[in-house]
Amino acid sequence: MDLEIAKRLIKRFWKWEYAWLCLIVAGTLVLHFIVVARPSEPLFDEQHYIPDARNIIEQHGTARTEHPPLGKLLIVSGILIFGDNPYGWRIPSIIVGTLGIVFFYLLCRRLNMSRRAATLGILILATENLYFVHSGMAMLDVFTVSFMLLAFWLYARRSYPLSVV
């Protein structure tokens, strides 16, 4: 009897619209958390943003005023929650980058793309090298792209005031 219930639940899951989205998001998160601590020192522009996040924490303000503060503040939140280590630096980027995949799926569906086409789109986005790499680094690029996808989705939903924010 329990086997029949499990089979029914599995069939129901596969018919659920968000089944593939959940699997792709889970796979992306697993891959990111496998490599999050490698390397253990800042890479590329992380060499600028991590010290700047430390300046913000020490209440000295930002040393890099040419960049918008939201991404740096998210990096600060990661450092405060998870510590001043690769996990603290990079987990906010991983979370926001993964949310960007969800926003892209929702946008594709809002634009009347089929489930199959929207799933293919998020699979391509999730496995695209530049997006994946930037989603695993403490850099500002993934924050920009993910919030832009959120704004597009809100605009497509006709939530104009929220899309402006």
C-alpha atoms as a PDB file:
ATOM      1  CA  MET A   1       0.000   0.000   0.000  1.00  0.00           C
ATOM      2  CA  ASP A   2       2.825   2.405   0.844  1.00  0.00           C
ATOM      3  CA  LEU A   3       4.436   1.705  -2.520  1.00  0.00           C
ATOM      4  CA  GLU A   4       1.227   2.738  -4.301  1.00  0.00           C
ATOM      5  CA  ILE A   5       1.129   5.997  -2.321  1.00  0.00           C
ATOM      6  CA  ALA A   6       4.767   6.690  -3.210  1.00  0.00           C
ATOM      7  CA  LYS A   7       4.090   6.001  -6.904  1.00  0.00           C
ATOM      8  CA  ARG A   8       1.088   8.318  -6.840  1.00  0.00           C
ATOM      9  CA  LEU A   9       3.118  11.070  -5.175  1.00  0.00           C
ATOM     10  CA  ILE A  10       5.927  10.708  -7.713  1.00  0.00           C
ATOM     11  CA  LYS A  11       3.460  10.904 -10.619  1.00  0.00           C
ATOM     12  CA  ARG A  12       1.858  13.931  -9.035  1.00  0.00           C
ATOM     13  CA  PHE A  13       5.253  15.589  -8.595  1.00  0.00           C
ATOM     14  CA  TRP A  14       6.153  15.103 -12.273  1.00  0.00           C
ATOM     15  CA  LYS A  15       2.848  16.647 -13.335  1.00  0.00           C
ATOM     16  CA  TRP A  16       3.417  19.657 -11.089  1.00  0.00           C
ATOM     17  CA  GLU A  17       4.427  22.713 -13.107  1.00  0.00           C
ATOM     18  CA  TYR A  18       7.424  23.531 -10.929  1.00  0.00           C
ATOM     19  CA  ALA A  19       8.929  20.014 -10.734  1.00  0.00           C
ATOM     20  CA  TRP A  20      11.777  20.666 -13.182  1.00  0.00           C
ATOM     21  CA  LEU A  21      12.366  24.121 -11.740  1.00  0.00           C
ATOM     22  CA  CYS A  22      12.827  22.592  -8.279  1.00  0.00           C
ATOM     23  CA  LEU A  23      15.201  19.933  -9.606  1.00  0.00           C
ATOM     24  CA  ILE A  24      17.318  22.438 -11.538  1.00  0.00           C
ATOM     25  CA  VAL A  25      17.437  24.817  -8.567  1.00  0.00           C
ATOM     26  CA  ALA A  26      18.373  21.969  -6.214  1.00  0.00           C
ATOM     27  CA  GLY A  27      21.075  20.758  -8.601  1.00  0.00           C
ATOM     28  CA  THR A  28      22.465  24.253  -8.957  1.00  0.00           C
ATOM     29  CA  LEU A  29      22.584  24.727  -5.200  1.00  0.00           C
ATOM     30  CA  VAL A  30      24.310  21.369  -4.689  1.00  0.00           C
ATOM     31  CA  LEU A  31      26.969  22.216  -7.275  1.00  0.00           C
ATOM     32  CA  HIS A  32      27.529  25.653  -5.763  1.00  0.00           C
ATOM     33  CA  PHE A  33      27.847  24.340  -2.213  1.00  0.00           C
ATOM     34  CA  ILE A  34      30.337  21.698  -3.358  1.00  0.00           C
ATOM     35  CA  VAL A  35      32.709  24.375  -4.690  1.00  0.00           C
ATOM     36  CA  VAL A  36      31.849  27.393  -2.511  1.00  0.00           C
ATOM     37  CA  ALA A  37      35.044  27.239  -0.442  1.00  0.00           C
ATOM     38  CA  ARG A  38      37.337  26.789  -3.444  1.00  0.00           C
ATOM     39  CA  PRO A  39      39.509  28.758  -3.599  1.00  0.00           C
ATOM     40  CA  SER A  40      39.712  30.006  -0.051  1.00  0.00           C
ATOM     41  CA  GLU A  41      41.112  33.408  -1.042  1.00  0.00           C
ATOM     42  CA  PRO A  42      39.281  36.160  -2.946  1.00  0.00           C
ATOM     43  CA  LEU A  43      39.257  35.930  -6.737  1.00  0.00           C
ATOM     44  CA  PHE A  44      39.071  38.613  -9.411  1.00  0.00           C
ATOM     45  CA  ASP A  45      36.915  41.537  -8.224  1.00  0.00           C
ATOM     46  CA  GLU A  46      36.245  39.799  -4.920  1.00  0.00           C
ATOM     47  CA  GLN A  47      39.600  41.356  -3.992  1.00  0.00           C
ATOM     48  CA  HIS A  48      37.818  44.732  -4.033  1.00  0.00           C
ATOM     49  CA  TYR A  49      34.357  43.878  -2.713  1.00  0.00           C
ATOM     50  CA  ILE A  50      35.319  41.713   0.265  1.00  0.00           C
ATOM     51  CA  PRO A  51      37.638  44.357   1.800  1.00  0.00           C
ATOM     52  CA  ASP A  52      34.947  46.930   1.112  1.00  0.00           C
ATOM     53  CA  ALA A  53      32.402  44.743   2.913  1.00  0.00           C
ATOM     54  CA  ARG A  54      34.818  44.520   5.835  1.00  0.00           C
ATOM     55  CA  ASN A  55      35.069  48.341   5.828  1.00  0.00           C
ATOM     56  CA  ILE A  56      31.296  48.582   5.998  1.00  0.00           C
ATOM     57  CA  ILE A  57      31.191  46.119   8.914  1.00  0.00           C
ATOM     58  CA  GLU A  58      33.849  48.099  10.764  1.00  0.00           C
ATOM     59  CA  GLN A  59      31.659  51.200  10.200  1.00  0.00           C
ATOM     60  CA  HIS A  60      34.227  52.992   8.101  1.00  0.00           C
ATOM     61  CA  GLY A  61      31.789  53.185   5.195  1.00  0.00           C
ATOM     62  CA  THR A  62      32.398  52.098   1.666  1.00  0.00           C
ATOM     63  CA  ALA A  63      35.697  52.763  -0.033  1.00  0.00           C
ATOM     64  CA  ARG A  64      34.229  52.075  -3.481  1.00  0.00           C
ATOM     65  CA  THR A  65      31.450  54.625  -3.895  1.00  0.00           C
ATOM     66  CA  GLU A  66      31.265  54.105  -7.661  1.00  0.00           C
ATOM     67  CA  HIS A  67      29.379  50.819  -7.147  1.00  0.00           C
ATOM     68  CA  PRO A  68      25.797  50.514  -5.904  1.00  0.00           C
ATOM     69  CA  PRO A  69      25.638  49.477  -2.254  1.00  0.00           C
ATOM     70  CA  LEU A  70      22.947  46.746  -2.337  1.00  0.00           C
ATOM     71  CA  GLY A  71      25.245  43.967  -3.575  1.00  0.00           C
ATOM     72  CA  LYS A  72      27.951  44.949  -1.107  1.00  0.00           C
ATOM     73  CA  LEU A  73      25.390  45.016   1.712  1.00  0.00           C
ATOM     74  CA  LEU A  74      24.285  41.511   0.779  1.00  0.00           C
ATOM     75  CA  ILE A  75      27.916  40.390   0.958  1.00  0.00           C
ATOM     76  CA  VAL A  76      28.118  42.111   4.368  1.00  0.00           C
ATOM     77  CA  SER A  77      25.057  40.163   5.524  1.00  0.00           C
ATOM     78  CA  GLY A  78      26.707  36.907   4.463  1.00  0.00           C
ATOM     79  CA  ILE A  79      29.868  37.774   6.381  1.00  0.00           C
ATOM     80  CA  LEU A  80      27.853  38.675   9.478  1.00  0.00           C
ATOM     81  CA  ILE A  81      25.809  35.466   9.331  1.00  0.00           C
ATOM     82  CA  PHE A  82      28.379  32.894   8.151  1.00  0.00           C
ATOM     83  CA  GLY A  83      31.655  34.544   9.123  1.00  0.00           C
ATOM     84  CA  ASP A  84      34.496  36.190   7.256  1.00  0.00           C
ATOM     85  CA  ASN A  85      35.316  33.162   5.124  1.00  0.00           C
ATOM     86  CA  PRO A  86      34.456  31.916   1.620  1.00  0.00           C
ATOM     87  CA  TYR A  87      31.009  30.781   2.815  1.00  0.00           C
ATOM     88  CA  GLY A  88      30.172  34.195   4.215  1.00  0.00           C
ATOM     89  CA  TRP A  89      31.479  35.971   1.133  1.00  0.00           C
ATOM     90  CA  ARG A  90      29.779  33.801  -1.463  1.00  0.00           C
ATOM     91  CA  ILE A  91      26.509  32.424  -0.050  1.00  0.00           C
ATOM     92  CA  PRO A  92      24.551  35.645  -0.759  1.00  0.00           C
ATOM     93  CA  SER A  93      25.633  35.442  -4.413  1.00  0.00           C
ATOM     94  CA  ILE A  94      24.639  31.786  -4.565  1.00  0.00           C
ATOM     95  CA  ILE A  95      21.197  32.506  -3.106  1.00  0.00           C
ATOM     96  CA  VAL A  96      20.499  35.522  -5.303  1.00  0.00           C
ATOM     97  CA  GLY A  97      21.883  33.786  -8.401  1.00  0.00           C
ATOM     98  CA  THR A  98      19.615  30.808  -7.761  1.00  0.00           C
ATOM     99  CA  LEU A  99      16.656  33.126  -7.252  1.00  0.00           C
ATOM    100  CA  GLY A 100      17.536  34.627 -10.639  1.00  0.00           C
ATOM    101  CA  ILE A 101      16.864  31.218 -12.184  1.00  0.00           C
ATOM    102  CA  VAL A 102      13.439  31.159 -10.523  1.00  0.00           C
ATOM    103  CA  PHE A 103      12.665  34.712 -11.694  1.00  0.00           C
ATOM    104  CA  PHE A 104      13.683  33.784 -15.239  1.00  0.00           C
ATOM    105  CA  TYR A 105      11.332  30.781 -15.200  1.00  0.00           C
ATOM    106  CA  LEU A 106       8.473  32.914 -13.905  1.00  0.00           C
ATOM    107  CA  LEU A 107       9.196  35.550 -16.547  1.00  0.00           C
ATOM    108  CA  CYS A 108       9.233  32.961 -19.331  1.00  0.00           C
ATOM    109  CA  ARG A 109       5.911  31.536 -18.165  1.00  0.00           C
ATOM    110  CA  ARG A 110       4.427  35.037 -17.846  1.00  0.00           C
ATOM    111  CA  LEU A 111       5.437  35.635 -21.474  1.00  0.00           C
ATOM    112  CA  ASN A 112       3.333  32.571 -22.405  1.00  0.00           C
ATOM    113  CA  MET A 113       6.242  30.285 -23.156  1.00  0.00           C
ATOM    114  CA  SER A 114       5.457  26.607 -22.769  1.00  0.00           C
ATOM    115  CA  ARG A 115       6.619  24.748 -19.683  1.00  0.00           C
ATOM    116  CA  ARG A 116       9.103  22.857 -21.827  1.00  0.00           C
ATOM    117  CA  ALA A 117      10.556  26.027 -23.372  1.00  0.00           C
ATOM    118  CA  ALA A 118      10.749  27.790 -19.994  1.00  0.00           C
ATOM    119  CA  THR A 119      12.452  24.739 -18.455  1.00  0.00           C
ATOM    120  CA  LEU A 120      14.943  24.604 -21.318  1.00  0.00           C
ATOM    121  CA  GLY A 121      15.597  28.329 -20.807  1.00  0.00           C
ATOM    122  CA  ILE A 122      16.380  27.958 -17.113  1.00  0.00           C
ATOM    123  CA  LEU A 123      18.503  24.891 -17.781  1.00  0.00           C
ATOM    124  CA  ILE A 124      20.565  26.924 -20.248  1.00  0.00           C
ATOM    125  CA  LEU A 125      20.799  29.848 -17.795  1.00  0.00           C
ATOM    126  CA  ALA A 126      21.720  27.608 -14.852  1.00  0.00           C
ATOM    127  CA  THR A 127      24.464  25.849 -16.798  1.00  0.00           C
ATOM    128  CA  GLU A 128      25.745  28.889 -18.661  1.00  0.00           C
ATOM    129  CA  ASN A 129      29.333  29.264 -17.536  1.00  0.00           C
ATOM    130  CA  LEU A 130      29.436  32.995 -16.848  1.00  0.00           C
ATOM    131  CA  TYR A 131      26.162  33.020 -14.891  1.00  0.00           C
ATOM    132  CA  PHE A 132      27.160  29.964 -12.863  1.00  0.00           C
ATOM    133  CA  VAL A 133      30.619  31.315 -12.040  1.00  0.00           C
ATOM    134  CA  HIS A 134      29.339  34.770 -11.083  1.00  0.00           C
ATOM    135  CA  SER A 135      26.608  33.180  -8.961  1.00  0.00           C
ATOM    136  CA  GLY A 136      29.325  31.538  -6.889  1.00  0.00           C
ATOM    137  CA  MET A 137      31.532  34.576  -6.333  1.00  0.00           C
ATOM    138  CA  ALA A 138      31.233  37.645  -4.124  1.00  0.00           C
ATOM    139  CA  MET A 139      30.862  39.995  -7.073  1.00  0.00           C
ATOM    140  CA  LEU A 140      28.093  42.434  -7.902  1.00  0.00           C
ATOM    141  CA  ASP A 141      27.201  41.158 -11.384  1.00  0.00           C
ATOM    142  CA  VAL A 142      24.839  38.370 -10.338  1.00  0.00           C
ATOM    143  CA  PHE A 143      22.928  40.723  -8.047  1.00  0.00           C
ATOM    144  CA  THR A 144      22.344  43.074 -10.971  1.00  0.00           C
ATOM    145  CA  VAL A 145      21.168  40.342 -13.332  1.00  0.00           C
ATOM    146  CA  SER A 146      18.929  38.624 -10.780  1.00  0.00           C
ATOM    147  CA  PHE A 147      17.245  41.825  -9.637  1.00  0.00           C
ATOM    148  CA  MET A 148      16.839  42.826 -13.276  1.00  0.00           C
ATOM    149  CA  LEU A 149      15.062  39.512 -13.962  1.00  0.00           C
ATOM    150  CA  LEU A 150      12.854  40.156 -10.934  1.00  0.00           C
ATOM    151  CA  ALA A 151      12.010  43.628 -12.232  1.00  0.00           C
ATOM    152  CA  PHE A 152      11.172  42.251 -15.702  1.00  0.00           C
ATOM    153  CA  TRP A 153       8.921  39.593 -14.186  1.00  0.00           C
ATOM    154  CA  LEU A 154       7.140  42.169 -12.014  1.00  0.00           C
ATOM    155  CA  TYR A 155       6.721  44.434 -15.048  1.00  0.00           C
ATOM    156  CA  ALA A 156       5.265  41.555 -17.063  1.00  0.00           C
ATOM    157  CA  ARG A 157       2.806  40.989 -14.205  1.00  0.00           C
ATOM    158  CA  ARG A 158       1.846  44.661 -14.492  1.00  0.00           C
ATOM    159  CA  SER A 159       3.204  45.384 -11.001  1.00  0.00           C
ATOM    160  CA  TYR A 160       4.717  48.594 -12.268  1.00  0.00           C
ATOM    161  CA  PRO A 161       5.492  50.295  -8.929  1.00  0.00           C
ATOM    162  CA  LEU A 162       7.250  47.173  -7.621  1.00  0.00           C
ATOM    163  CA  SER A 163       9.195  46.725 -10.839  1.00  0.00           C
ATOM    164  CA  VAL A 164      10.495  50.269 -10.505  1.00  0.00           C
ATOM    165  CA  VAL A 165      11.740  49.623  -6.971  1.00  0.00           C
END
